[in-house]
Amino acid sequence: MLLGLPNISANISSNDAAFVRLMSILAVLVAGLASGYLAHNKFNLSEHLAKKIMTIVLIVFNWPIALLVIWRMQLDVELIWLPIIGVALMLIMTAISAVIFSFGKLDRKRRLTLILAGGLSNLAYTGGAFVCYALFGEDGLAMANIYTLFWVPVVCLVFFPLLKINELRVNDGIPKLSLTDILDARFIAIPAVLTAIILNLTGVKPLVFVEKFHVIDMFIYTASILTFFAIGLRIKFSRLKSYVNLYFLIAAVKFVLTPVIALLMLWLLMLTGQNLTDTTQKVIMVLSATPCAVIMVTMSNVFDLDASLGSALWVAMMVVFAAVVVPVMFVIFA
């Protein structure tokens, strides 16, 4: 998503602005993880607070972010294949992950966490969008943001209800949603998404102060540092060693299988006469090889899945992405 950057200088270039924003979000990431880790391991703050913190983020911050971003988004008809491929790849990889992790002796919570890790990817400034900017400049960054336009609505309207159904099945044995369940405060992003789509399609202009005072930035930075802090609460290096075998499997899904599926999708589009530009194809391939999404960790905490595994997968895949995948991308695409 393209976010307004505070006016540090009237003469700051767009390249410098993107760099400042990138450094800011990376600083938030490091500060959040480190403070959460120290709070638990040095000051004995309970790791179980992670669920409460992420629930607060979901209820207080996620819905206005979803509302404002979708309300303000603009989509060029010529680039419509970017968000279509983005959401199609997410759903396909979620389905493939469900098949892969149906084998083996995995309990329901661990299996669902792995499925989310396989299907949901980090496409924002701490993942794919940053690499697209570094490789292809502002055009790549813009395309990366267009790629994610349908991502938030699908997560809110598809993944959240499915996880709620699972929660009901586990707790009450009732595999369906009632009106009361839909009114669950954690689902507040759903009406926000629907409202944003209506406002966007009817041409209602976003409130001026949203961009003037960089409201989206403030929400995202606040939500990010709280989320990273919660992840840090659950990080234990001794615990990270417990999931080594799963790291290899998830890495294969995220960094090998997903790019292969993306390549097949591009090939099928070419056969149907949809000739995407060279940069568009490269952006899609870069975004297909990104690590697990932060929202995966949030959902694994909020919906009582394997939260420790979710945090460990996120940390491990981010390390693999930064140390191995990104250098390979630069060799191939630079």
C-alpha atoms as a PDB file:
ATOM      1  CA  MET A   1       0.000   0.000   0.000  1.00  0.00           C
ATOM      2  CA  LEU A   2       1.280   3.457  -0.829  1.00  0.00           C
ATOM      3  CA  LEU A   3       1.350   5.533   2.303  1.00  0.00           C
ATOM      4  CA  GLY A   4       1.840   9.234   2.888  1.00  0.00           C
ATOM      5  CA  LEU A   5       5.220  10.114   4.377  1.00  0.00           C
ATOM      6  CA  PRO A   6       5.496  12.971   6.853  1.00  0.00           C
ATOM      7  CA  ASN A   7       6.828  16.142   5.241  1.00  0.00           C
ATOM      8  CA  ILE A   8      10.373  15.963   6.541  1.00  0.00           C
ATOM      9  CA  SER A   9      11.508  18.467   3.966  1.00  0.00           C
ATOM     10  CA  ALA A  10       9.754  20.326   1.220  1.00  0.00           C
ATOM     11  CA  ASN A  11      12.572  19.408  -1.145  1.00  0.00           C
ATOM     12  CA  ILE A  12      12.928  15.746  -0.247  1.00  0.00           C
ATOM     13  CA  SER A  13      12.962  13.516  -3.339  1.00  0.00           C
ATOM     14  CA  SER A  14      10.553  10.633  -3.786  1.00  0.00           C
ATOM     15  CA  ASN A  15      13.485   8.208  -3.674  1.00  0.00           C
ATOM     16  CA  ASP A  16      14.658   9.673  -0.368  1.00  0.00           C
ATOM     17  CA  ALA A  17      11.098   9.579   0.969  1.00  0.00           C
ATOM     18  CA  ALA A  18      10.785   5.876   0.167  1.00  0.00           C
ATOM     19  CA  PHE A  19      14.172   5.234   1.781  1.00  0.00           C
ATOM     20  CA  VAL A  20      13.202   7.139   4.940  1.00  0.00           C
ATOM     21  CA  ARG A  21       9.929   5.235   5.170  1.00  0.00           C
ATOM     22  CA  LEU A  22      11.771   1.944   4.687  1.00  0.00           C
ATOM     23  CA  MET A  23      14.293   2.773   7.412  1.00  0.00           C
ATOM     24  CA  SER A  24      11.449   3.827   9.695  1.00  0.00           C
ATOM     25  CA  ILE A  25       9.523   0.575   9.356  1.00  0.00           C
ATOM     26  CA  LEU A  26      12.712  -1.477   9.742  1.00  0.00           C
ATOM     27  CA  ALA A  27      13.526   0.476  12.910  1.00  0.00           C
ATOM     28  CA  VAL A  28      10.018  -0.254  14.189  1.00  0.00           C
ATOM     29  CA  LEU A  29      10.497  -3.948  13.382  1.00  0.00           C
ATOM     30  CA  VAL A  30      13.817  -4.225  15.201  1.00  0.00           C
ATOM     31  CA  ALA A  31      12.675  -2.114  18.161  1.00  0.00           C
ATOM     32  CA  GLY A  32       9.436  -4.082  18.526  1.00  0.00           C
ATOM     33  CA  LEU A  33      11.049  -7.516  18.352  1.00  0.00           C
ATOM     34  CA  ALA A  34      13.936  -6.585  20.639  1.00  0.00           C
ATOM     35  CA  SER A  35      11.736  -4.914  23.263  1.00  0.00           C
ATOM     36  CA  GLY A  36       9.284  -7.839  23.262  1.00  0.00           C
ATOM     37  CA  TYR A  37      12.104 -10.362  23.583  1.00  0.00           C
ATOM     38  CA  LEU A  38      13.702  -8.442  26.472  1.00  0.00           C
ATOM     39  CA  ALA A  39      10.342  -7.854  28.183  1.00  0.00           C
ATOM     40  CA  HIS A  40       9.717 -11.605  28.356  1.00  0.00           C
ATOM     41  CA  ASN A  41      13.209 -13.012  28.823  1.00  0.00           C
ATOM     42  CA  LYS A  42      14.693 -10.313  31.073  1.00  0.00           C
ATOM     43  CA  PHE A  43      11.701  -8.791  32.854  1.00  0.00           C
ATOM     44  CA  ASN A  44       9.425 -11.876  32.997  1.00  0.00           C
ATOM     45  CA  LEU A  45       6.485 -10.323  31.142  1.00  0.00           C
ATOM     46  CA  SER A  46       4.144 -13.184  30.261  1.00  0.00           C
ATOM     47  CA  GLU A  47       4.231 -14.350  26.646  1.00  0.00           C
ATOM     48  CA  HIS A  48       0.470 -14.929  26.906  1.00  0.00           C
ATOM     49  CA  LEU A  49       0.035 -11.158  26.646  1.00  0.00           C
ATOM     50  CA  ALA A  50       0.859 -11.590  22.939  1.00  0.00           C
ATOM     51  CA  LYS A  51      -2.693 -12.762  22.216  1.00  0.00           C
ATOM     52  CA  LYS A  52      -4.229  -9.782  24.051  1.00  0.00           C
ATOM     53  CA  ILE A  53      -1.936  -7.308  22.294  1.00  0.00           C
ATOM     54  CA  MET A  54      -2.639  -8.748  18.841  1.00  0.00           C
ATOM     55  CA  THR A  55      -6.366  -8.817  19.538  1.00  0.00           C
ATOM     56  CA  ILE A  56      -6.187  -5.119  20.410  1.00  0.00           C
ATOM     57  CA  VAL A  57      -4.295  -4.467  17.170  1.00  0.00           C
ATOM     58  CA  LEU A  58      -6.960  -6.365  15.228  1.00  0.00           C
ATOM     59  CA  ILE A  59      -9.850  -4.515  16.847  1.00  0.00           C
ATOM     60  CA  VAL A  60      -8.396  -1.004  17.177  1.00  0.00           C
ATOM     61  CA  PHE A  61      -5.980  -0.565  14.261  1.00  0.00           C
ATOM     62  CA  ASN A  62      -6.622  -3.078  11.465  1.00  0.00           C
ATOM     63  CA  TRP A  63     -10.091  -1.877  10.531  1.00  0.00           C
ATOM     64  CA  PRO A  64      -9.216   1.822  10.014  1.00  0.00           C
ATOM     65  CA  ILE A  65      -6.121   0.795   8.036  1.00  0.00           C
ATOM     66  CA  ALA A  66      -8.252  -1.463   5.819  1.00  0.00           C
ATOM     67  CA  LEU A  67     -10.969   1.195   5.481  1.00  0.00           C
ATOM     68  CA  LEU A  68      -8.660   4.066   4.571  1.00  0.00           C
ATOM     69  CA  VAL A  69      -6.326   2.143   2.252  1.00  0.00           C
ATOM     70  CA  ILE A  70      -9.108   0.487   0.212  1.00  0.00           C
ATOM     71  CA  TRP A  71     -11.126   3.721   0.117  1.00  0.00           C
ATOM     72  CA  ARG A  72      -8.148   5.643  -1.343  1.00  0.00           C
ATOM     73  CA  MET A  73      -6.832   2.987  -3.746  1.00  0.00           C
ATOM     74  CA  GLN A  74      -6.738   3.634  -7.484  1.00  0.00           C
ATOM     75  CA  LEU A  75      -6.431   0.815  -9.974  1.00  0.00           C
ATOM     76  CA  ASP A  76      -5.254   1.234 -13.554  1.00  0.00           C
ATOM     77  CA  VAL A  77      -7.295  -1.077 -15.791  1.00  0.00           C
ATOM     78  CA  GLU A  78      -4.143  -2.051 -17.670  1.00  0.00           C
ATOM     79  CA  LEU A  79      -2.625  -3.403 -14.462  1.00  0.00           C
ATOM     80  CA  ILE A  80      -5.690  -5.365 -13.342  1.00  0.00           C
ATOM     81  CA  TRP A  81      -3.781  -8.651 -13.651  1.00  0.00           C
ATOM     82  CA  LEU A  82      -1.460  -7.675 -10.799  1.00  0.00           C
ATOM     83  CA  PRO A  83      -4.037  -7.841  -7.964  1.00  0.00           C
ATOM     84  CA  ILE A  84      -5.821 -10.761  -9.653  1.00  0.00           C
ATOM     85  CA  ILE A  85      -2.611 -12.797  -9.716  1.00  0.00           C
ATOM     86  CA  GLY A  86      -1.789 -11.635  -6.187  1.00  0.00           C
ATOM     87  CA  VAL A  87      -5.011 -12.906  -4.635  1.00  0.00           C
ATOM     88  CA  ALA A  88      -5.172 -16.003  -6.884  1.00  0.00           C
ATOM     89  CA  LEU A  89      -1.656 -17.020  -5.872  1.00  0.00           C
ATOM     90  CA  MET A  90      -2.522 -16.531  -2.198  1.00  0.00           C
ATOM     91  CA  LEU A  91      -5.603 -18.753  -2.458  1.00  0.00           C
ATOM     92  CA  ILE A  92      -3.875 -21.405  -4.585  1.00  0.00           C
ATOM     93  CA  MET A  93      -0.923 -21.652  -2.205  1.00  0.00           C
ATOM     94  CA  THR A  94      -3.259 -21.832   0.788  1.00  0.00           C
ATOM     95  CA  ALA A  95      -5.054 -24.757  -0.854  1.00  0.00           C
ATOM     96  CA  ILE A  96      -1.775 -26.472  -1.784  1.00  0.00           C
ATOM     97  CA  SER A  97      -0.458 -25.941   1.754  1.00  0.00           C
ATOM     98  CA  ALA A  98      -3.647 -27.507   3.132  1.00  0.00           C
ATOM     99  CA  VAL A  99      -2.925 -30.616   1.049  1.00  0.00           C
ATOM    100  CA  ILE A 100       0.780 -30.722   1.945  1.00  0.00           C
ATOM    101  CA  PHE A 101       0.190 -30.360   5.682  1.00  0.00           C
ATOM    102  CA  SER A 102      -2.684 -32.830   5.771  1.00  0.00           C
ATOM    103  CA  PHE A 103      -0.049 -35.553   5.817  1.00  0.00           C
ATOM    104  CA  GLY A 104       1.948 -36.391   8.904  1.00  0.00           C
ATOM    105  CA  LYS A 105       1.037 -36.385  12.562  1.00  0.00           C
ATOM    106  CA  LEU A 106       0.151 -32.735  13.079  1.00  0.00           C
ATOM    107  CA  ASP A 107      -2.528 -31.512  15.464  1.00  0.00           C
ATOM    108  CA  ARG A 108      -5.171 -29.124  14.132  1.00  0.00           C
ATOM    109  CA  LYS A 109      -3.607 -25.964  15.584  1.00  0.00           C
ATOM    110  CA  ARG A 110      -0.160 -26.687  14.156  1.00  0.00           C
ATOM    111  CA  ARG A 111      -1.564 -27.726  10.773  1.00  0.00           C
ATOM    112  CA  LEU A 112      -3.675 -24.557  10.415  1.00  0.00           C
ATOM    113  CA  THR A 113      -0.709 -22.382  11.404  1.00  0.00           C
ATOM    114  CA  LEU A 114       1.414 -24.047   8.715  1.00  0.00           C
ATOM    115  CA  ILE A 115      -1.347 -23.594   6.135  1.00  0.00           C
ATOM    116  CA  LEU A 116      -1.535 -19.870   6.919  1.00  0.00           C
ATOM    117  CA  ALA A 117       2.262 -19.627   6.767  1.00  0.00           C
ATOM    118  CA  GLY A 118       2.281 -21.298   3.352  1.00  0.00           C
ATOM    119  CA  GLY A 119      -0.509 -19.175   1.887  1.00  0.00           C
ATOM    120  CA  LEU A 120       0.069 -15.678   3.317  1.00  0.00           C
ATOM    121  CA  SER A 121       3.210 -13.757   2.347  1.00  0.00           C
ATOM    122  CA  ASN A 122       4.978 -10.582   3.455  1.00  0.00           C
ATOM    123  CA  LEU A 123       4.414  -8.255   0.495  1.00  0.00           C
ATOM    124  CA  ALA A 124       4.940  -4.933   2.284  1.00  0.00           C
ATOM    125  CA  TYR A 125       7.953  -2.737   3.124  1.00  0.00           C
ATOM    126  CA  THR A 126       9.627  -5.404   5.240  1.00  0.00           C
ATOM    127  CA  GLY A 127       9.269  -7.924   2.414  1.00  0.00           C
ATOM    128  CA  GLY A 128       8.435  -7.874  -1.269  1.00  0.00           C
ATOM    129  CA  ALA A 129       7.691  -4.163  -1.765  1.00  0.00           C
ATOM    130  CA  PHE A 130      11.148  -3.196  -0.498  1.00  0.00           C
ATOM    131  CA  VAL A 131      12.882  -5.591  -2.901  1.00  0.00           C
ATOM    132  CA  CYS A 132      10.748  -4.356  -5.818  1.00  0.00           C
ATOM    133  CA  TYR A 133      11.738  -0.782  -5.001  1.00  0.00           C
ATOM    134  CA  ALA A 134      15.413  -1.698  -4.716  1.00  0.00           C
ATOM    135  CA  LEU A 135      15.395  -3.593  -8.014  1.00  0.00           C
ATOM    136  CA  PHE A 136      12.976  -1.638 -10.208  1.00  0.00           C
ATOM    137  CA  GLY A 137      12.662   1.796  -8.622  1.00  0.00           C
ATOM    138  CA  GLU A 138       9.389   3.644  -8.083  1.00  0.00           C
ATOM    139  CA  ASP A 139       7.574   1.771 -10.866  1.00  0.00           C
ATOM    140  CA  GLY A 140       8.337  -1.503  -9.120  1.00  0.00           C
ATOM    141  CA  LEU A 141       7.187  -0.101  -5.798  1.00  0.00           C
ATOM    142  CA  ALA A 142       3.906   1.137  -7.285  1.00  0.00           C
ATOM    143  CA  MET A 143       3.266  -2.237  -8.917  1.00  0.00           C
ATOM    144  CA  ALA A 144       3.988  -4.025  -5.639  1.00  0.00           C
ATOM    145  CA  ASN A 145       1.327  -1.924  -3.942  1.00  0.00           C
ATOM    146  CA  ILE A 146      -1.212  -2.573  -6.720  1.00  0.00           C
ATOM    147  CA  TYR A 147      -0.460  -6.299  -6.389  1.00  0.00           C
ATOM    148  CA  THR A 148      -1.803  -6.262  -2.812  1.00  0.00           C
ATOM    149  CA  LEU A 149      -5.036  -4.323  -3.452  1.00  0.00           C
ATOM    150  CA  PHE A 150      -7.346  -7.356  -3.143  1.00  0.00           C
ATOM    151  CA  TRP A 151      -5.264  -8.954  -0.386  1.00  0.00           C
ATOM    152  CA  VAL A 152      -6.828  -7.214   2.630  1.00  0.00           C
ATOM    153  CA  PRO A 153     -10.457  -7.775   1.533  1.00  0.00           C
ATOM    154  CA  VAL A 154      -9.827 -11.486   0.946  1.00  0.00           C
ATOM    155  CA  VAL A 155      -8.053 -11.920   4.306  1.00  0.00           C
ATOM    156  CA  CYS A 156     -10.917 -10.179   6.120  1.00  0.00           C
ATOM    157  CA  LEU A 157     -13.813 -11.707   4.189  1.00  0.00           C
ATOM    158  CA  VAL A 158     -12.465 -15.249   3.701  1.00  0.00           C
ATOM    159  CA  PHE A 159      -9.703 -16.154   6.168  1.00  0.00           C
ATOM    160  CA  PHE A 160     -11.182 -14.574   9.302  1.00  0.00           C
ATOM    161  CA  PRO A 161     -14.595 -16.303   8.975  1.00  0.00           C
ATOM    162  CA  LEU A 162     -12.927 -19.658   8.234  1.00  0.00           C
ATOM    163  CA  LEU A 163     -10.760 -19.344  11.334  1.00  0.00           C
ATOM    164  CA  LYS A 164     -13.838 -18.396  13.364  1.00  0.00           C
ATOM    165  CA  ILE A 165     -15.607 -21.530  12.098  1.00  0.00           C
ATOM    166  CA  ASN A 166     -12.609 -23.580  13.190  1.00  0.00           C
ATOM    167  CA  GLU A 167     -12.677 -21.888  16.594  1.00  0.00           C
ATOM    168  CA  LEU A 168     -16.374 -22.718  16.992  1.00  0.00           C
ATOM    169  CA  ARG A 169     -15.795 -26.331  15.962  1.00  0.00           C
ATOM    170  CA  VAL A 170     -13.006 -26.710  18.519  1.00  0.00           C
ATOM    171  CA  ASN A 171     -14.819 -25.005  21.394  1.00  0.00           C
ATOM    172  CA  ASP A 172     -18.480 -25.860  20.800  1.00  0.00           C
ATOM    173  CA  GLY A 173     -18.596 -28.416  18.013  1.00  0.00           C
ATOM    174  CA  ILE A 174     -20.698 -25.996  15.907  1.00  0.00           C
ATOM    175  CA  PRO A 175     -19.197 -25.688  12.395  1.00  0.00           C
ATOM    176  CA  LYS A 176     -21.212 -22.659  11.266  1.00  0.00           C
ATOM    177  CA  LEU A 177     -21.451 -18.954  11.916  1.00  0.00           C
ATOM    178  CA  SER A 178     -24.405 -17.276  13.586  1.00  0.00           C
ATOM    179  CA  LEU A 179     -25.214 -13.564  13.637  1.00  0.00           C
ATOM    180  CA  THR A 180     -23.720 -13.335  17.118  1.00  0.00           C
ATOM    181  CA  ASP A 181     -20.462 -14.828  15.872  1.00  0.00           C
ATOM    182  CA  ILE A 182     -20.291 -12.399  12.956  1.00  0.00           C
ATOM    183  CA  LEU A 183     -20.661  -9.550  15.469  1.00  0.00           C
ATOM    184  CA  ASP A 184     -17.444 -10.742  17.159  1.00  0.00           C
ATOM    185  CA  ALA A 185     -15.319  -7.614  17.687  1.00  0.00           C
ATOM    186  CA  ARG A 186     -12.393  -9.315  15.909  1.00  0.00           C
ATOM    187  CA  PHE A 187     -14.504  -9.217  12.713  1.00  0.00           C
ATOM    188  CA  ILE A 188     -14.814  -5.430  12.705  1.00  0.00           C
ATOM    189  CA  ALA A 189     -12.554  -5.255   9.624  1.00  0.00           C
ATOM    190  CA  ILE A 190     -15.241  -6.982   7.524  1.00  0.00           C
ATOM    191  CA  PRO A 191     -17.816  -4.133   7.605  1.00  0.00           C
ATOM    192  CA  ALA A 192     -14.900  -1.702   7.297  1.00  0.00           C
ATOM    193  CA  VAL A 193     -13.780  -3.395   4.071  1.00  0.00           C
ATOM    194  CA  LEU A 194     -17.317  -3.459   2.660  1.00  0.00           C
ATOM    195  CA  THR A 195     -17.812   0.210   3.577  1.00  0.00           C
ATOM    196  CA  ALA A 196     -14.505   1.147   1.937  1.00  0.00           C
ATOM    197  CA  ILE A 197     -15.460  -0.659  -1.284  1.00  0.00           C
ATOM    198  CA  ILE A 198     -18.820   1.158  -1.401  1.00  0.00           C
ATOM    199  CA  LEU A 199     -17.203   4.550  -0.752  1.00  0.00           C
ATOM    200  CA  ASN A 200     -14.580   3.869  -3.408  1.00  0.00           C
ATOM    201  CA  LEU A 201     -17.067   2.750  -6.076  1.00  0.00           C
ATOM    202  CA  THR A 202     -19.458   5.637  -5.397  1.00  0.00           C
ATOM    203  CA  GLY A 203     -16.691   8.207  -5.793  1.00  0.00           C
ATOM    204  CA  VAL A 204     -16.842   9.616  -2.270  1.00  0.00           C
ATOM    205  CA  LYS A 205     -13.560  11.397  -1.615  1.00  0.00           C
ATOM    206  CA  PRO A 206     -11.489  10.428   1.457  1.00  0.00           C
ATOM    207  CA  LEU A 207     -11.310  12.964   4.262  1.00  0.00           C
ATOM    208  CA  VAL A 208      -8.598  15.557   3.630  1.00  0.00           C
ATOM    209  CA  PHE A 209      -7.068  15.289   7.109  1.00  0.00           C
ATOM    210  CA  VAL A 210      -6.254  11.596   6.525  1.00  0.00           C
ATOM    211  CA  GLU A 211      -3.522  12.461   4.057  1.00  0.00           C
ATOM    212  CA  LYS A 212      -2.654  15.843   5.563  1.00  0.00           C
ATOM    213  CA  PHE A 213      -1.853  14.380   8.974  1.00  0.00           C
ATOM    214  CA  HIS A 214      -0.611  11.002   7.656  1.00  0.00           C
ATOM    215  CA  VAL A 215      -3.198   9.071   9.649  1.00  0.00           C
ATOM    216  CA  ILE A 216      -2.530   5.788   7.826  1.00  0.00           C
ATOM    217  CA  ASP A 217       1.179   6.022   8.630  1.00  0.00           C
ATOM    218  CA  MET A 218       0.443   6.577  12.307  1.00  0.00           C
ATOM    219  CA  PHE A 219      -1.923   3.608  12.458  1.00  0.00           C
ATOM    220  CA  ILE A 220       0.504   1.337  10.603  1.00  0.00           C
ATOM    221  CA  TYR A 221       3.562   2.268  12.668  1.00  0.00           C
ATOM    222  CA  THR A 222       1.618   1.877  15.927  1.00  0.00           C
ATOM    223  CA  ALA A 223       0.066  -1.426  14.884  1.00  0.00           C
ATOM    224  CA  SER A 224       3.436  -2.667  13.607  1.00  0.00           C
ATOM    225  CA  ILE A 225       5.415  -1.959  16.760  1.00  0.00           C
ATOM    226  CA  LEU A 226       2.698  -3.559  18.924  1.00  0.00           C
ATOM    227  CA  THR A 227       2.605  -6.621  16.667  1.00  0.00           C
ATOM    228  CA  PHE A 228       6.389  -6.982  16.565  1.00  0.00           C
ATOM    229  CA  PHE A 229       6.502  -6.528  20.342  1.00  0.00           C
ATOM    230  CA  ALA A 230       3.974  -9.361  20.720  1.00  0.00           C
ATOM    231  CA  ILE A 231       6.018 -11.582  18.391  1.00  0.00           C
ATOM    232  CA  GLY A 232       9.118 -10.755  20.435  1.00  0.00           C
ATOM    233  CA  LEU A 233       7.331 -11.922  23.602  1.00  0.00           C
ATOM    234  CA  ARG A 234       7.115 -15.422  22.124  1.00  0.00           C
ATOM    235  CA  ILE A 235      10.664 -15.634  20.765  1.00  0.00           C
ATOM    236  CA  LYS A 236      12.853 -18.122  22.589  1.00  0.00           C
ATOM    237  CA  PHE A 237      15.990 -19.282  20.836  1.00  0.00           C
ATOM    238  CA  SER A 238      15.721 -22.655  22.537  1.00  0.00           C
ATOM    239  CA  ARG A 239      12.186 -22.973  21.166  1.00  0.00           C
ATOM    240  CA  LEU A 240      13.259 -21.964  17.645  1.00  0.00           C
ATOM    241  CA  LYS A 241      15.320 -25.153  17.456  1.00  0.00           C
ATOM    242  CA  SER A 242      12.190 -27.264  17.936  1.00  0.00           C
ATOM    243  CA  TYR A 243      10.825 -26.514  14.463  1.00  0.00           C
ATOM    244  CA  VAL A 244      13.889 -26.993  12.246  1.00  0.00           C
ATOM    245  CA  ASN A 245      12.268 -29.676  10.064  1.00  0.00           C
ATOM    246  CA  LEU A 246       9.240 -27.474   9.484  1.00  0.00           C
ATOM    247  CA  TYR A 247      11.468 -24.549   8.483  1.00  0.00           C
ATOM    248  CA  PHE A 248      12.808 -26.528   5.528  1.00  0.00           C
ATOM    249  CA  LEU A 249       9.313 -27.497   4.419  1.00  0.00           C
ATOM    250  CA  ILE A 250       7.880 -23.975   4.700  1.00  0.00           C
ATOM    251  CA  ALA A 251      10.966 -22.534   2.976  1.00  0.00           C
ATOM    252  CA  ALA A 252      10.398 -24.939   0.075  1.00  0.00           C
ATOM    253  CA  VAL A 253       6.755 -23.827  -0.156  1.00  0.00           C
ATOM    254  CA  LYS A 254       7.513 -20.100   0.101  1.00  0.00           C
ATOM    255  CA  PHE A 255      10.695 -19.814  -1.950  1.00  0.00           C
ATOM    256  CA  VAL A 256      10.467 -22.674  -4.461  1.00  0.00           C
ATOM    257  CA  LEU A 257       6.924 -23.947  -4.982  1.00  0.00           C
ATOM    258  CA  THR A 258       5.168 -20.557  -4.908  1.00  0.00           C
ATOM    259  CA  PRO A 259       7.472 -19.003  -7.549  1.00  0.00           C
ATOM    260  CA  VAL A 260       6.948 -22.104  -9.727  1.00  0.00           C
ATOM    261  CA  ILE A 261       3.164 -21.669  -9.498  1.00  0.00           C
ATOM    262  CA  ALA A 262       3.541 -17.948 -10.299  1.00  0.00           C
ATOM    263  CA  LEU A 263       5.653 -18.804 -13.337  1.00  0.00           C
ATOM    264  CA  LEU A 264       2.959 -21.229 -14.534  1.00  0.00           C
ATOM    265  CA  MET A 265       0.312 -18.524 -14.106  1.00  0.00           C
ATOM    266  CA  LEU A 266       2.352 -16.094 -16.209  1.00  0.00           C
ATOM    267  CA  TRP A 267       2.802 -18.778 -18.865  1.00  0.00           C
ATOM    268  CA  LEU A 268      -0.959 -19.426 -18.964  1.00  0.00           C
ATOM    269  CA  LEU A 269      -1.629 -15.690 -19.309  1.00  0.00           C
ATOM    270  CA  MET A 270       0.824 -15.534 -22.185  1.00  0.00           C
ATOM    271  CA  LEU A 271      -0.983 -18.432 -23.914  1.00  0.00           C
ATOM    272  CA  THR A 272      -4.269 -16.518 -23.633  1.00  0.00           C
ATOM    273  CA  GLY A 273      -2.714 -13.446 -25.249  1.00  0.00           C
ATOM    274  CA  GLN A 274      -2.239 -11.381 -22.073  1.00  0.00           C
ATOM    275  CA  ASN A 275       1.255 -10.033 -22.671  1.00  0.00           C
ATOM    276  CA  LEU A 276       2.384  -8.354 -19.449  1.00  0.00           C
ATOM    277  CA  THR A 277       5.350  -6.000 -19.538  1.00  0.00           C
ATOM    278  CA  ASP A 278       8.769  -7.281 -18.562  1.00  0.00           C
ATOM    279  CA  THR A 279       8.803  -5.249 -15.335  1.00  0.00           C
ATOM    280  CA  THR A 280       5.314  -6.446 -14.389  1.00  0.00           C
ATOM    281  CA  GLN A 281       6.373 -10.074 -14.781  1.00  0.00           C
ATOM    282  CA  LYS A 282       9.514  -9.503 -12.721  1.00  0.00           C
ATOM    283  CA  VAL A 283       7.533  -7.810  -9.936  1.00  0.00           C
ATOM    284  CA  ILE A 284       5.161 -10.779  -9.808  1.00  0.00           C
ATOM    285  CA  MET A 285       8.077 -13.205  -9.561  1.00  0.00           C
ATOM    286  CA  VAL A 286       9.743 -11.197  -6.784  1.00  0.00           C
ATOM    287  CA  LEU A 287       6.498 -11.015  -4.796  1.00  0.00           C
ATOM    288  CA  SER A 288       5.946 -14.748  -5.240  1.00  0.00           C
ATOM    289  CA  ALA A 289       9.159 -15.512  -3.318  1.00  0.00           C
ATOM    290  CA  THR A 290       8.516 -13.613  -0.080  1.00  0.00           C
ATOM    291  CA  PRO A 291       8.483 -14.868   3.556  1.00  0.00           C
ATOM    292  CA  CYS A 292       5.514 -15.491   5.862  1.00  0.00           C
ATOM    293  CA  ALA A 293       3.173 -12.562   6.524  1.00  0.00           C
ATOM    294  CA  VAL A 294       2.923 -10.802   9.868  1.00  0.00           C
ATOM    295  CA  ILE A 295      -0.866 -11.266   9.751  1.00  0.00           C
ATOM    296  CA  MET A 296      -0.196 -15.025   9.915  1.00  0.00           C
ATOM    297  CA  VAL A 297       1.363 -14.537  13.347  1.00  0.00           C
ATOM    298  CA  THR A 298      -1.500 -12.281  14.418  1.00  0.00           C
ATOM    299  CA  MET A 299      -4.132 -14.817  13.371  1.00  0.00           C
ATOM    300  CA  SER A 300      -2.273 -17.716  15.000  1.00  0.00           C
ATOM    301  CA  ASN A 301      -2.355 -15.771  18.286  1.00  0.00           C
ATOM    302  CA  VAL A 302      -5.841 -14.307  18.089  1.00  0.00           C
ATOM    303  CA  PHE A 303      -7.571 -17.532  16.994  1.00  0.00           C
ATOM    304  CA  ASP A 304      -5.676 -19.819  19.394  1.00  0.00           C
ATOM    305  CA  LEU A 305      -3.605 -21.716  16.866  1.00  0.00           C
ATOM    306  CA  ASP A 306       0.074 -22.612  17.433  1.00  0.00           C
ATOM    307  CA  ALA A 307       1.261 -19.091  18.261  1.00  0.00           C
ATOM    308  CA  SER A 308       4.801 -20.175  19.187  1.00  0.00           C
ATOM    309  CA  LEU A 309       5.197 -21.945  15.848  1.00  0.00           C
ATOM    310  CA  GLY A 310       3.781 -18.911  14.023  1.00  0.00           C
ATOM    311  CA  SER A 311       6.340 -16.570  15.586  1.00  0.00           C
ATOM    312  CA  ALA A 312       9.187 -19.019  14.960  1.00  0.00           C
ATOM    313  CA  LEU A 313       8.221 -19.470  11.294  1.00  0.00           C
ATOM    314  CA  TRP A 314       8.044 -15.719  10.759  1.00  0.00           C
ATOM    315  CA  VAL A 315      11.493 -15.121  12.269  1.00  0.00           C
ATOM    316  CA  ALA A 316      13.124 -18.057  10.457  1.00  0.00           C
ATOM    317  CA  MET A 317      11.665 -17.203   7.033  1.00  0.00           C
ATOM    318  CA  MET A 318      12.621 -13.542   7.380  1.00  0.00           C
ATOM    319  CA  VAL A 319      16.212 -14.614   8.060  1.00  0.00           C
ATOM    320  CA  VAL A 320      16.248 -16.965   5.048  1.00  0.00           C
ATOM    321  CA  PHE A 321      14.674 -14.270   2.880  1.00  0.00           C
ATOM    322  CA  ALA A 322      17.224 -11.610   3.833  1.00  0.00           C
ATOM    323  CA  ALA A 323      20.298 -13.870   3.799  1.00  0.00           C
ATOM    324  CA  VAL A 324      19.581 -16.119   0.806  1.00  0.00           C
ATOM    325  CA  VAL A 325      16.563 -15.203  -1.314  1.00  0.00           C
ATOM    326  CA  VAL A 326      17.168 -11.462  -1.712  1.00  0.00           C
ATOM    327  CA  PRO A 327      20.797 -11.893  -2.894  1.00  0.00           C
ATOM    328  CA  VAL A 328      19.599 -14.491  -5.431  1.00  0.00           C
ATOM    329  CA  MET A 329      16.923 -12.046  -6.654  1.00  0.00           C
ATOM    330  CA  PHE A 330      19.559  -9.376  -7.179  1.00  0.00           C
ATOM    331  CA  VAL A 331      21.678 -11.800  -9.227  1.00  0.00           C
ATOM    332  CA  ILE A 332      18.706 -12.738 -11.404  1.00  0.00           C
ATOM    333  CA  PHE A 333      16.920  -9.397 -11.838  1.00  0.00           C
ATOM    334  CA  ALA A 334      19.445  -6.613 -11.190  1.00  0.00           C
END
